N, C-alpha and C. Protein backbone atom coordinates (compact mmCIF):
# COMPACT_ATOMS: atom_id res chain seq x y z
N MET A 1 0.34 20.07 9.07
CA MET A 1 0.77 19.00 7.87
C MET A 1 -0.49 17.89 7.79
N SER A 2 -1.00 17.64 6.51
CA SER A 2 -1.96 16.86 6.39
C SER A 2 -1.59 15.47 5.76
N LEU A 3 -2.16 14.36 5.77
CA LEU A 3 -1.69 13.36 5.45
C LEU A 3 -1.14 13.47 3.95
N LYS A 4 -0.26 12.76 3.59
CA LYS A 4 0.54 12.70 2.24
C LYS A 4 0.50 10.88 1.94
N LEU A 5 -0.06 10.45 1.27
CA LEU A 5 -0.25 8.79 1.10
C LEU A 5 0.30 8.45 -0.37
N TYR A 6 1.70 7.17 -0.37
CA TYR A 6 2.21 7.42 -1.09
C TYR A 6 2.00 5.93 -1.43
N LEU A 7 1.39 5.55 -2.98
CA LEU A 7 1.54 4.33 -3.47
C LEU A 7 1.99 4.13 -4.31
N LEU A 8 2.81 2.75 -3.83
CA LEU A 8 3.82 2.03 -4.71
C LEU A 8 3.23 0.50 -5.15
N ARG A 9 3.77 0.45 -6.44
CA ARG A 9 3.42 -0.93 -7.04
C ARG A 9 4.37 -1.65 -6.74
N HIS A 10 4.14 -2.96 -6.76
CA HIS A 10 5.25 -3.86 -6.60
C HIS A 10 6.23 -4.01 -7.52
N GLY A 11 7.62 -4.24 -7.15
CA GLY A 11 8.48 -4.55 -8.58
C GLY A 11 8.32 -5.57 -9.37
N GLU A 12 9.16 -5.41 -10.39
CA GLU A 12 8.64 -6.50 -11.36
C GLU A 12 8.76 -8.13 -11.28
N THR A 13 7.99 -8.80 -11.63
CA THR A 13 7.55 -10.02 -11.33
C THR A 13 7.78 -10.68 -12.89
N SER A 14 7.29 -12.15 -13.16
CA SER A 14 7.54 -12.70 -14.37
C SER A 14 6.27 -12.14 -14.61
N TYR A 15 5.22 -12.39 -14.22
CA TYR A 15 3.54 -11.92 -14.67
C TYR A 15 3.95 -10.43 -15.14
N SER A 16 4.33 -9.78 -14.75
CA SER A 16 4.71 -8.19 -15.06
C SER A 16 5.22 -7.85 -16.34
N ARG A 17 6.30 -9.14 -16.51
CA ARG A 17 6.73 -8.78 -17.64
C ARG A 17 6.22 -9.05 -18.87
N THR A 18 5.40 -10.18 -18.91
CA THR A 18 4.82 -10.92 -19.71
C THR A 18 3.52 -10.47 -20.24
N GLY A 19 2.31 -9.73 -19.03
CA GLY A 19 1.17 -9.36 -19.11
C GLY A 19 0.11 -10.55 -18.83
N GLY A 20 0.47 -11.81 -18.00
CA GLY A 20 -0.17 -12.39 -17.75
C GLY A 20 -0.89 -12.28 -16.48
N TYR A 21 -2.34 -12.62 -16.33
CA TYR A 21 -3.06 -12.05 -15.46
C TYR A 21 -2.75 -12.69 -13.99
N CYS A 22 -2.54 -11.74 -13.05
CA CYS A 22 -2.03 -12.22 -11.54
C CYS A 22 -2.40 -11.76 -10.45
N GLY A 23 -3.87 -12.39 -9.79
CA GLY A 23 -3.94 -11.61 -8.54
C GLY A 23 -3.94 -12.72 -7.56
N ASP A 24 -4.37 -13.65 -7.46
CA ASP A 24 -4.11 -14.71 -6.29
C ASP A 24 -2.88 -15.36 -6.21
N LEU A 25 -2.40 -15.25 -7.34
CA LEU A 25 -0.78 -16.21 -7.57
C LEU A 25 0.18 -15.42 -6.95
N ASP A 26 1.26 -15.94 -6.35
CA ASP A 26 2.04 -15.40 -5.26
C ASP A 26 3.60 -15.39 -5.86
N PRO A 27 3.67 -14.83 -6.93
CA PRO A 27 4.92 -15.19 -7.55
C PRO A 27 6.35 -14.07 -6.64
N GLU A 28 7.52 -14.67 -7.01
CA GLU A 28 8.75 -13.65 -6.59
C GLU A 28 8.68 -12.43 -7.00
N LEU A 29 9.59 -11.24 -6.22
CA LEU A 29 10.32 -10.59 -7.41
C LEU A 29 10.98 -10.71 -8.24
N THR A 30 11.29 -10.68 -9.54
CA THR A 30 12.78 -10.74 -10.53
C THR A 30 13.98 -10.19 -10.21
N ASP A 31 14.94 -10.47 -10.50
CA ASP A 31 16.07 -9.83 -10.09
C ASP A 31 16.03 -8.18 -9.86
N ASN A 32 15.40 -7.70 -11.27
CA ASN A 32 15.24 -6.40 -11.36
C ASN A 32 14.10 -5.77 -10.28
N GLY A 33 13.33 -6.63 -10.01
CA GLY A 33 12.01 -6.51 -9.16
C GLY A 33 12.95 -5.94 -8.39
N GLN A 34 13.86 -6.71 -7.34
CA GLN A 34 14.43 -6.28 -6.29
C GLN A 34 15.60 -5.22 -6.02
N LYS A 35 16.06 -5.01 -7.41
CA LYS A 35 16.74 -3.79 -7.65
C LYS A 35 15.93 -2.73 -8.02
N MET A 36 14.40 -2.42 -8.31
CA MET A 36 13.68 -1.72 -7.85
C MET A 36 13.19 -1.49 -6.56
N ALA A 37 12.87 -2.02 -5.72
CA ALA A 37 12.71 -2.50 -4.65
C ALA A 37 13.93 -1.47 -3.56
N ILE A 38 14.91 -2.02 -4.08
CA ILE A 38 16.48 -1.29 -3.35
C ILE A 38 16.49 0.20 -3.64
N ALA A 39 16.40 0.48 -5.09
CA ALA A 39 16.35 2.09 -5.59
C ALA A 39 15.32 2.66 -4.89
N PHE A 40 14.03 2.19 -4.63
CA PHE A 40 13.04 3.05 -4.22
C PHE A 40 13.09 3.07 -2.57
N ALA A 41 13.92 2.47 -2.06
CA ALA A 41 14.36 2.52 -0.33
C ALA A 41 15.11 3.38 -0.25
N GLU A 42 16.56 3.31 -1.41
CA GLU A 42 17.67 4.31 -1.35
C GLU A 42 17.29 5.52 -1.84
N ALA A 43 16.24 6.38 -2.13
CA ALA A 43 15.65 7.45 -2.73
C ALA A 43 14.57 7.86 -1.75
N HIS A 44 14.03 6.86 -0.93
CA HIS A 44 13.00 7.97 0.00
C HIS A 44 13.18 7.37 1.35
N LYS A 45 14.57 6.61 1.82
CA LYS A 45 14.82 6.46 3.21
C LYS A 45 14.87 7.69 4.10
N ALA A 46 14.94 8.76 3.39
CA ALA A 46 14.96 10.02 4.47
C ALA A 46 13.87 10.36 4.64
N ILE A 47 12.76 10.36 3.95
CA ILE A 47 11.66 10.87 4.69
C ILE A 47 11.00 10.27 5.56
N ALA A 48 10.29 11.19 6.53
CA ALA A 48 9.77 10.74 8.05
C ALA A 48 8.50 9.92 7.76
N TRP A 49 8.83 8.62 8.10
CA TRP A 49 7.55 7.62 7.63
C TRP A 49 6.82 7.59 8.96
N ASN A 50 5.43 7.76 8.73
CA ASN A 50 4.42 6.98 9.95
C ASN A 50 4.27 5.68 10.28
N ALA A 51 4.07 5.59 9.13
CA ALA A 51 3.68 4.18 8.51
C ALA A 51 3.82 3.32 7.24
N VAL A 52 3.74 2.11 7.16
CA VAL A 52 3.91 1.10 5.97
C VAL A 52 3.06 0.29 6.15
N PHE A 53 1.93 0.48 5.27
CA PHE A 53 0.77 -0.65 4.85
C PHE A 53 1.15 -1.58 3.61
N VAL A 54 1.14 -2.76 3.69
CA VAL A 54 1.35 -3.85 2.77
C VAL A 54 0.48 -4.89 2.37
N SER A 55 0.20 -5.15 0.84
CA SER A 55 -0.53 -6.35 0.50
C SER A 55 0.31 -7.69 1.05
N PRO A 56 -0.37 -8.86 2.06
CA PRO A 56 0.39 -9.72 2.01
C PRO A 56 0.55 -10.55 1.31
N MET A 57 1.18 -10.29 0.17
CA MET A 57 1.93 -11.26 -1.10
C MET A 57 3.28 -11.09 -1.04
N LYS A 58 3.86 -12.13 -1.52
CA LYS A 58 5.52 -12.18 -1.52
C LYS A 58 6.12 -10.92 -2.37
N ARG A 59 5.33 -10.48 -2.94
CA ARG A 59 5.83 -9.36 -4.21
C ARG A 59 5.30 -8.08 -3.45
N THR A 60 4.67 -7.79 -2.96
CA THR A 60 4.41 -6.83 -2.29
C THR A 60 5.58 -6.61 -1.17
N ILE A 61 5.77 -7.92 -0.46
CA ILE A 61 6.44 -7.46 1.08
C ILE A 61 7.71 -7.25 0.74
N ALA A 62 8.05 -8.47 -0.59
CA ALA A 62 9.61 -8.02 -0.92
C ALA A 62 9.88 -6.60 -1.22
N THR A 63 9.02 -5.47 -1.96
CA THR A 63 9.02 -4.69 -2.33
C THR A 63 9.21 -3.51 -1.09
N ALA A 64 8.63 -4.11 -0.07
CA ALA A 64 8.18 -2.94 0.80
C ALA A 64 9.72 -3.05 1.90
N MET A 65 10.46 -4.30 1.80
CA MET A 65 11.41 -4.76 3.12
C MET A 65 12.41 -4.25 2.99
N PRO A 66 13.01 -3.35 1.79
CA PRO A 66 14.05 -2.51 1.69
C PRO A 66 14.01 -1.21 2.73
N LEU A 67 12.83 -0.48 2.11
CA LEU A 67 12.68 0.93 2.68
C LEU A 67 12.52 0.36 4.72
N CYS A 68 11.61 -0.57 4.76
CA CYS A 68 11.38 -1.10 6.21
C CYS A 68 12.64 -1.20 6.54
N ASN A 69 13.54 -2.15 6.10
CA ASN A 69 15.00 -2.43 6.88
C ASN A 69 15.63 -1.42 7.20
N ALA A 70 15.83 -0.49 6.27
CA ALA A 70 16.52 1.37 6.06
C ALA A 70 15.88 2.02 7.20
N VAL A 71 15.02 1.93 7.62
CA VAL A 71 13.98 2.83 8.73
C VAL A 71 13.71 2.27 9.65
N ASN A 72 14.00 1.11 9.92
CA ASN A 72 13.25 0.46 11.00
C ASN A 72 12.31 0.56 11.50
N ILE A 73 10.96 0.36 10.32
CA ILE A 73 9.58 0.65 10.81
C ILE A 73 9.02 -0.91 10.26
N GLU A 74 8.05 -0.96 10.89
CA GLU A 74 7.50 -2.47 10.96
C GLU A 74 6.30 -2.42 9.99
N MET A 75 6.07 -3.35 9.20
CA MET A 75 4.99 -3.01 7.82
C MET A 75 3.74 -3.62 8.68
N GLN A 76 2.81 -3.07 8.32
CA GLN A 76 1.32 -3.39 8.57
C GLN A 76 0.49 -4.15 7.39
N LEU A 77 0.58 -5.56 7.85
CA LEU A 77 -0.28 -6.40 6.47
C LEU A 77 -1.74 -5.90 6.26
N ARG A 78 -2.23 -5.72 5.31
CA ARG A 78 -3.83 -6.18 4.96
C ARG A 78 -4.23 -6.64 3.69
N ASP A 79 -5.26 -7.26 4.17
CA ASP A 79 -5.90 -8.50 3.16
C ASP A 79 -6.64 -7.28 2.12
N GLY A 80 -7.01 -6.15 2.52
CA GLY A 80 -7.55 -5.22 1.65
C GLY A 80 -6.93 -4.68 0.68
N LEU A 81 -5.47 -4.85 0.78
CA LEU A 81 -4.62 -4.40 -0.59
C LEU A 81 -4.21 -5.24 -1.29
N ARG A 82 -4.53 -6.60 -1.32
CA ARG A 82 -4.35 -7.60 -2.12
C ARG A 82 -4.61 -6.74 -3.62
N GLU A 83 -4.16 -7.50 -5.01
CA GLU A 83 -4.75 -7.48 -5.94
C GLU A 83 -6.42 -8.11 -6.26
N VAL A 84 -6.47 -7.44 -6.96
CA VAL A 84 -8.07 -7.86 -7.89
C VAL A 84 -7.66 -9.28 -8.03
N ARG A 85 -8.73 -10.19 -7.89
CA ARG A 85 -8.69 -11.66 -7.73
C ARG A 85 -9.54 -11.94 -9.42
N TYR A 86 -8.71 -12.72 -10.21
CA TYR A 86 -8.62 -12.65 -11.49
C TYR A 86 -9.77 -13.93 -11.72
N GLY A 87 -10.02 -14.92 -10.53
CA GLY A 87 -10.63 -16.22 -11.01
C GLY A 87 -10.06 -17.10 -11.74
N LYS A 88 -10.90 -17.55 -12.70
CA LYS A 88 -10.36 -18.54 -13.60
C LYS A 88 -9.21 -18.13 -14.67
N TRP A 89 -9.07 -16.72 -14.56
CA TRP A 89 -7.84 -16.08 -15.45
C TRP A 89 -6.75 -16.46 -15.19
N GLU A 90 -6.40 -16.62 -13.69
CA GLU A 90 -5.38 -16.15 -13.19
C GLU A 90 -4.41 -17.28 -13.70
N GLY A 91 -2.95 -16.74 -14.04
CA GLY A 91 -1.58 -17.26 -14.81
C GLY A 91 -1.90 -17.42 -16.40
N LEU A 92 -3.03 -17.05 -16.87
CA LEU A 92 -3.23 -17.09 -18.40
C LEU A 92 -3.09 -15.63 -19.10
N THR A 93 -2.61 -15.85 -20.29
CA THR A 93 -2.13 -15.09 -21.31
C THR A 93 -3.59 -14.26 -21.36
N ASN A 94 -3.53 -13.05 -21.84
CA ASN A 94 -4.63 -12.14 -22.70
C ASN A 94 -5.13 -12.79 -23.69
N GLU A 95 -4.22 -13.17 -24.92
CA GLU A 95 -4.75 -13.94 -25.82
C GLU A 95 -5.67 -15.45 -25.63
N PHE A 96 -5.06 -16.01 -24.56
CA PHE A 96 -5.74 -17.20 -23.87
C PHE A 96 -7.35 -16.65 -23.50
N VAL A 97 -7.03 -15.55 -22.61
CA VAL A 97 -8.34 -15.41 -22.07
C VAL A 97 -9.55 -14.78 -23.31
N LYS A 98 -9.04 -13.70 -24.31
CA LYS A 98 -10.01 -13.60 -25.46
C LYS A 98 -10.36 -14.49 -26.04
N GLU A 99 -9.81 -15.65 -26.11
CA GLU A 99 -10.21 -16.68 -27.28
C GLU A 99 -10.87 -17.27 -26.52
N ASN A 100 -10.93 -18.26 -25.19
CA ASN A 100 -11.66 -19.09 -24.10
C ASN A 100 -12.65 -18.17 -23.37
N PHE A 101 -12.68 -17.25 -23.03
CA PHE A 101 -13.89 -16.82 -22.03
C PHE A 101 -14.12 -15.41 -22.73
N SER A 102 -14.87 -15.62 -23.79
CA SER A 102 -14.72 -14.25 -24.58
C SER A 102 -16.28 -13.71 -24.15
N SER A 103 -17.15 -14.30 -24.09
CA SER A 103 -18.03 -13.06 -23.38
C SER A 103 -17.47 -12.46 -21.75
N ASP A 104 -16.99 -13.32 -21.38
CA ASP A 104 -16.92 -12.69 -19.80
C ASP A 104 -15.80 -11.52 -19.95
N TYR A 105 -14.84 -11.75 -21.13
CA TYR A 105 -13.76 -10.88 -21.11
C TYR A 105 -14.12 -9.43 -21.84
N VAL A 106 -14.95 -9.65 -22.94
CA VAL A 106 -15.75 -8.46 -23.76
C VAL A 106 -16.50 -7.63 -22.55
N ARG A 107 -17.51 -8.52 -21.48
CA ARG A 107 -17.93 -7.80 -20.52
C ARG A 107 -17.10 -6.81 -19.54
N TRP A 108 -16.22 -7.68 -19.08
CA TRP A 108 -14.96 -7.17 -18.22
C TRP A 108 -14.41 -6.13 -18.59
N LEU A 109 -14.56 -5.97 -20.11
CA LEU A 109 -13.65 -4.86 -20.87
C LEU A 109 -14.32 -3.59 -20.94
N THR A 110 -16.01 -3.96 -21.31
CA THR A 110 -16.61 -2.98 -21.59
C THR A 110 -17.37 -2.04 -20.16
N GLU A 111 -16.83 -2.97 -19.07
CA GLU A 111 -17.52 -2.45 -17.57
C GLU A 111 -17.06 -2.97 -16.73
N PRO A 112 -15.57 -3.11 -16.20
CA PRO A 112 -15.09 -3.89 -15.15
C PRO A 112 -15.70 -3.46 -13.77
N ALA A 113 -16.05 -2.39 -13.50
CA ALA A 113 -16.68 -1.95 -12.05
C ALA A 113 -17.43 -2.88 -11.66
N TRP A 114 -18.37 -3.69 -12.52
CA TRP A 114 -19.83 -4.44 -12.27
C TRP A 114 -19.26 -5.97 -13.00
N ASN A 115 -18.93 -6.13 -13.98
CA ASN A 115 -18.53 -7.03 -14.44
C ASN A 115 -16.88 -8.03 -14.29
N PRO A 116 -17.32 -8.99 -13.23
CA PRO A 116 -15.84 -9.40 -13.13
C PRO A 116 -14.78 -10.29 -14.08
N PRO A 117 -13.89 -11.04 -14.08
CA PRO A 117 -13.08 -12.28 -14.66
C PRO A 117 -13.82 -13.16 -14.15
N THR A 118 -13.66 -14.06 -15.09
CA THR A 118 -14.99 -15.40 -14.89
C THR A 118 -14.36 -16.05 -13.24
N GLY A 119 -15.49 -15.74 -12.30
CA GLY A 119 -15.08 -16.30 -11.16
C GLY A 119 -14.43 -15.54 -10.16
N GLY A 120 -14.08 -14.15 -11.01
CA GLY A 120 -13.13 -13.26 -10.19
C GLY A 120 -13.82 -12.30 -9.28
N GLU A 121 -13.43 -10.86 -9.47
CA GLU A 121 -13.68 -9.83 -8.33
C GLU A 121 -13.80 -8.68 -9.62
N THR A 122 -14.99 -7.92 -9.05
CA THR A 122 -15.46 -6.56 -9.83
C THR A 122 -14.24 -5.65 -9.23
N ALA A 123 -14.35 -4.56 -9.44
CA ALA A 123 -13.82 -3.45 -9.44
C ALA A 123 -14.44 -2.95 -8.08
N VAL A 124 -15.70 -2.80 -8.36
CA VAL A 124 -16.43 -2.40 -7.13
C VAL A 124 -16.08 -3.17 -5.80
N GLN A 125 -15.89 -4.36 -5.94
CA GLN A 125 -15.68 -5.14 -4.88
C GLN A 125 -14.17 -4.95 -4.41
N LEU A 126 -13.42 -4.60 -5.20
CA LEU A 126 -12.21 -4.14 -4.89
C LEU A 126 -11.95 -2.91 -4.17
N ALA A 127 -12.63 -1.69 -4.76
CA ALA A 127 -13.01 -0.84 -4.29
C ALA A 127 -13.15 -0.60 -2.76
N SER A 128 -14.25 -1.55 -2.36
CA SER A 128 -15.05 -1.80 -0.89
C SER A 128 -13.80 -2.17 0.01
N ARG A 129 -13.00 -3.01 -0.12
CA ARG A 129 -12.20 -3.85 0.56
C ARG A 129 -10.75 -2.54 0.85
N ALA A 130 -10.42 -2.55 -0.39
CA ALA A 130 -9.16 -1.68 -0.28
C ALA A 130 -9.56 -0.26 0.63
N SER A 131 -10.76 0.56 0.08
CA SER A 131 -11.32 1.90 0.73
C SER A 131 -11.13 1.94 2.32
N LEU A 132 -11.52 0.17 2.84
CA LEU A 132 -11.61 0.06 4.41
C LEU A 132 -10.31 0.39 4.81
N VAL A 133 -9.17 0.20 4.11
CA VAL A 133 -7.65 0.28 4.70
C VAL A 133 -7.45 1.99 4.37
N ILE A 134 -7.50 2.59 3.68
CA ILE A 134 -7.49 3.75 3.38
C ILE A 134 -8.17 4.92 4.41
N ALA A 135 -9.24 4.22 4.75
CA ALA A 135 -10.26 5.21 5.77
C ALA A 135 -9.12 4.77 7.35
N GLU A 136 -8.49 3.51 7.18
CA GLU A 136 -8.05 3.33 8.52
C GLU A 136 -7.23 4.01 8.67
N ILE A 137 -6.07 4.13 7.28
CA ILE A 137 -4.97 4.96 7.75
C ILE A 137 -5.32 6.54 7.77
N GLN A 138 -6.28 7.03 7.16
CA GLN A 138 -6.85 8.55 7.62
C GLN A 138 -7.23 8.70 9.15
N GLU A 139 -7.73 7.75 9.62
CA GLU A 139 -8.16 7.88 10.97
C GLU A 139 -6.86 7.86 11.80
N LYS A 140 -5.81 6.72 11.27
CA LYS A 140 -4.64 6.54 12.53
C LYS A 140 -3.76 7.98 12.30
N TYR A 141 -3.56 7.58 10.95
CA TYR A 141 -2.35 9.32 10.68
C TYR A 141 -3.24 10.20 10.06
N PRO A 142 -3.73 11.18 10.19
CA PRO A 142 -4.66 12.15 9.59
C PRO A 142 -3.05 13.47 9.28
N SER A 143 -2.09 12.97 9.52
CA SER A 143 -1.16 13.97 9.00
C SER A 143 0.60 13.05 9.14
N GLY A 144 1.27 13.66 8.02
CA GLY A 144 2.35 12.80 7.88
C GLY A 144 2.27 11.97 6.66
N ASN A 145 3.29 11.16 6.76
CA ASN A 145 3.40 10.42 5.49
C ASN A 145 3.88 8.92 5.52
N VAL A 146 2.66 8.47 4.78
CA VAL A 146 2.49 6.94 4.98
C VAL A 146 2.43 6.47 3.41
N LEU A 147 3.17 4.73 3.82
CA LEU A 147 3.42 4.24 2.42
C LEU A 147 2.57 3.10 2.02
N VAL A 148 1.97 2.74 1.06
CA VAL A 148 0.91 1.85 1.08
C VAL A 148 1.97 0.87 -0.16
N VAL A 149 2.16 -0.43 -0.53
CA VAL A 149 2.85 -1.05 -1.22
C VAL A 149 1.42 -2.11 -1.65
N SER A 150 1.09 -2.03 -2.77
CA SER A 150 0.35 -2.59 -3.49
C SER A 150 0.41 -3.15 -5.00
N HIS A 151 -0.86 -3.01 -5.30
CA HIS A 151 -0.50 -4.30 -6.97
C HIS A 151 -1.08 -2.84 -7.78
N LYS A 152 -1.20 -3.49 -9.10
CA LYS A 152 -1.77 -2.63 -10.66
C LYS A 152 -3.13 -2.17 -10.19
N ALA A 153 -3.69 -3.21 -10.56
CA ALA A 153 -5.39 -2.63 -10.06
C ALA A 153 -5.66 -2.02 -9.16
N THR A 154 -5.20 -2.65 -7.60
CA THR A 154 -5.86 -1.91 -6.85
C THR A 154 -5.48 -0.67 -6.62
N ILE A 155 -4.14 -0.39 -7.10
CA ILE A 155 -3.43 1.15 -7.05
C ILE A 155 -4.18 2.11 -7.58
N ARG A 156 -4.96 1.50 -9.10
CA ARG A 156 -5.70 2.11 -9.67
C ARG A 156 -7.04 2.55 -9.45
N VAL A 157 -7.23 1.42 -8.80
CA VAL A 157 -8.82 1.68 -8.34
C VAL A 157 -8.71 2.33 -7.05
N ILE A 158 -8.00 2.32 -6.37
CA ILE A 158 -8.03 3.45 -4.74
C ILE A 158 -7.61 4.70 -5.10
N LEU A 159 -6.64 5.22 -6.50
CA LEU A 159 -6.67 6.35 -6.78
C LEU A 159 -8.12 7.16 -7.52
N CYS A 160 -8.56 6.04 -8.32
CA CYS A 160 -10.34 6.22 -9.22
C CYS A 160 -10.98 6.62 -7.98
N ASN A 161 -10.59 5.87 -6.72
CA ASN A 161 -12.12 6.07 -5.87
C ASN A 161 -11.70 7.71 -5.05
N LEU A 162 -10.73 7.60 -4.98
CA LEU A 162 -9.92 8.84 -3.90
C LEU A 162 -10.15 10.10 -5.35
N LEU A 163 -10.08 10.14 -6.11
CA LEU A 163 -10.40 11.21 -7.40
C LEU A 163 -11.79 11.21 -8.06
N GLY A 164 -12.54 10.64 -7.29
CA GLY A 164 -13.80 10.55 -8.34
C GLY A 164 -13.68 10.04 -9.63
N ILE A 165 -12.79 9.72 -9.66
CA ILE A 165 -12.97 9.05 -11.57
C ILE A 165 -13.72 7.76 -11.33
N ASP A 166 -14.62 7.03 -12.54
CA ASP A 166 -15.90 6.45 -12.63
C ASP A 166 -14.81 5.07 -12.46
N LEU A 167 -14.99 4.25 -11.74
CA LEU A 167 -14.40 2.93 -11.55
C LEU A 167 -14.37 2.18 -12.65
N GLY A 168 -15.53 2.16 -13.56
CA GLY A 168 -15.22 1.41 -14.82
C GLY A 168 -14.16 2.02 -15.66
N ARG A 169 -13.39 3.01 -15.66
CA ARG A 169 -12.33 3.46 -16.73
C ARG A 169 -11.05 3.25 -15.61
N TYR A 170 -11.07 2.49 -14.67
CA TYR A 170 -9.78 2.37 -14.09
C TYR A 170 -8.55 2.05 -14.95
N ARG A 171 -8.89 1.16 -15.65
CA ARG A 171 -7.85 0.70 -16.99
C ARG A 171 -7.31 1.63 -17.85
N ASP A 172 -8.32 2.53 -18.14
CA ASP A 172 -8.25 3.42 -19.34
C ASP A 172 -7.92 4.75 -18.88
N ARG A 173 -7.55 4.89 -17.69
CA ARG A 173 -7.55 6.97 -17.01
C ARG A 173 -6.01 6.68 -16.29
N ILE A 174 -6.00 5.21 -15.26
CA ILE A 174 -4.53 5.39 -14.64
C ILE A 174 -3.59 4.21 -15.17
N ASP A 175 -2.28 4.79 -15.08
CA ASP A 175 -1.33 3.99 -15.75
C ASP A 175 -0.27 3.82 -14.27
N THR A 176 0.12 2.70 -14.08
CA THR A 176 0.98 2.32 -12.92
C THR A 176 1.78 0.82 -13.10
N PRO A 177 3.03 1.58 -13.99
CA PRO A 177 3.97 0.36 -14.23
C PRO A 177 4.78 -0.35 -13.19
N ALA A 178 5.37 -1.25 -12.96
CA ALA A 178 5.80 -2.08 -11.90
C ALA A 178 7.05 -1.07 -11.38
N ALA A 179 6.34 -0.92 -9.85
CA ALA A 179 7.34 -0.06 -8.94
C ALA A 179 7.29 0.97 -9.39
N SER A 180 6.31 1.46 -9.92
CA SER A 180 5.81 3.16 -9.99
C SER A 180 5.41 3.55 -8.61
N LEU A 181 5.58 5.31 -8.69
CA LEU A 181 5.08 5.66 -7.20
C LEU A 181 3.93 6.51 -7.54
N SER A 182 2.94 6.82 -7.01
CA SER A 182 1.98 7.96 -7.23
C SER A 182 1.74 8.43 -5.44
N ILE A 183 1.59 9.72 -5.48
CA ILE A 183 1.34 10.39 -4.04
C ILE A 183 -0.03 11.41 -4.36
N VAL A 184 -0.77 11.08 -2.86
CA VAL A 184 -1.82 12.11 -3.03
C VAL A 184 -2.02 12.35 -1.64
N GLN A 185 -2.03 14.10 -1.76
CA GLN A 185 -2.24 14.72 -0.45
C GLN A 185 -3.38 14.94 -0.04
N PHE A 186 -3.98 14.74 1.31
CA PHE A 186 -5.20 15.24 1.77
C PHE A 186 -4.61 16.74 2.37
N GLY A 187 -5.78 17.64 1.73
CA GLY A 187 -6.24 18.84 2.05
C GLY A 187 -7.62 19.13 2.27
N ALA A 188 -7.83 20.32 2.59
CA ALA A 188 -9.35 20.45 3.18
C ALA A 188 -10.19 20.58 2.22
N LEU A 189 -9.52 20.31 0.78
CA LEU A 189 -10.73 20.04 -0.40
C LEU A 189 -10.59 18.66 -0.79
N GLY A 190 -9.96 17.85 0.14
CA GLY A 190 -10.21 16.30 0.10
C GLY A 190 -8.59 15.99 -0.79
N PRO A 191 -8.52 14.72 -1.42
CA PRO A 191 -7.76 14.22 -1.99
C PRO A 191 -7.18 14.83 -3.11
N MET A 192 -6.12 15.38 -3.54
CA MET A 192 -5.12 15.71 -4.59
C MET A 192 -3.80 14.95 -5.16
N LEU A 193 -4.22 14.68 -6.14
CA LEU A 193 -3.18 13.81 -6.97
C LEU A 193 -2.19 14.56 -6.90
N LYS A 194 -0.58 14.44 -6.23
CA LYS A 194 0.49 14.96 -6.94
C LYS A 194 1.53 14.65 -7.33
N VAL A 195 1.50 13.32 -7.54
CA VAL A 195 2.82 12.42 -8.62
C VAL A 195 2.03 10.94 -9.12
N LEU A 196 1.71 10.82 -10.28
CA LEU A 196 1.23 9.52 -10.89
C LEU A 196 2.15 8.79 -11.57
N GLY A 197 2.54 7.67 -11.39
CA GLY A 197 3.18 6.77 -11.94
C GLY A 197 4.91 6.74 -12.18
N ASP A 198 5.28 7.44 -11.05
CA ASP A 198 6.83 8.04 -11.31
C ASP A 198 7.77 6.74 -10.94
N ARG A 199 8.88 6.95 -11.59
CA ARG A 199 9.97 5.81 -11.61
C ARG A 199 11.35 6.39 -11.70
N SER A 200 11.41 7.95 -11.51
CA SER A 200 12.59 8.45 -11.63
C SER A 200 13.31 8.18 -10.48
N PHE A 201 13.13 7.82 -9.64
CA PHE A 201 14.34 6.99 -8.67
C PHE A 201 15.07 6.39 -9.04
N MET A 202 14.54 5.13 -10.15
CA MET A 202 15.26 4.30 -10.33
C MET A 202 16.33 4.93 -11.82
N ASP A 203 17.43 3.79 -12.18
CA ASP A 203 18.48 4.27 -13.24
C ASP A 203 17.54 4.02 -14.41
N ALA A 204 18.45 4.30 -15.38
CA ALA A 204 17.84 4.40 -17.06
C ALA A 204 17.81 3.00 -17.38
N GLU A 205 18.29 2.06 -16.87
CA GLU A 205 18.19 0.63 -17.13
C GLU A 205 16.91 0.07 -16.68
N LEU A 206 16.62 0.18 -15.52
CA LEU A 206 15.61 -0.19 -14.80
C LEU A 206 14.61 0.52 -15.29
N ARG A 207 14.59 1.76 -15.55
CA ARG A 207 13.14 2.39 -15.75
C ARG A 207 12.83 1.59 -17.52
N SER A 208 13.86 1.06 -17.93
CA SER A 208 13.67 0.63 -19.27
C SER A 208 12.85 -0.66 -19.20
N GLN A 209 12.83 -1.15 -18.20
CA GLN A 209 11.65 -2.30 -17.95
C GLN A 209 10.83 -2.26 -17.50
N SER A 210 9.96 -1.84 -18.33
CA SER A 210 8.88 -1.16 -18.03
C SER A 210 7.58 -2.21 -17.43
N GLY A 211 7.61 -3.17 -17.66
CA GLY A 211 6.14 -4.12 -17.18
C GLY A 211 4.70 -3.67 -17.45
N THR A 212 3.93 -4.36 -17.59
CA THR A 212 2.75 -4.14 -17.53
C THR A 212 2.01 -3.89 -16.55
């Protein structure tokens, strides 16, 4: 059996509802976000989990907690799984950034791999730190099921990095709504994307809370 990597984005927060920039900010899950985490745990607790790696933010820890409690496994926190750092854009709306940081915004929109949000982090920098965690997982757990609970941009960048997609296109090629699950299977020919952005484990009402 080869390594099967489950990449779970955290549940809904106030920022995922509004689309505000939230990287280093540390909001709690909303009530819906908590329900999403519980729904994931209920649907996946029968899987034989080898490990759970989690970004050390409140929203990711709270998303991982129901599953960890259900299967009695200790989460492993890794800074490399944190969200992209948005610098001076933290907490701001897209409209405000577009108007007040227009030059940086256009550069970031055109080529986010190498152009950061004002005072923030590029996709290349994010890929560099996140890839160290993925390499650690591959070394420690060459087979079996491993869950990674992380963030929107981080998961998109990890997937692009694994699948050979240009990092500058991570916002254009990969969609990961709140609490969505993507799965990568590692085989003889490398990583294969098996599932992308799945939310079928939630009820219809929760799925309608798409988030950004």
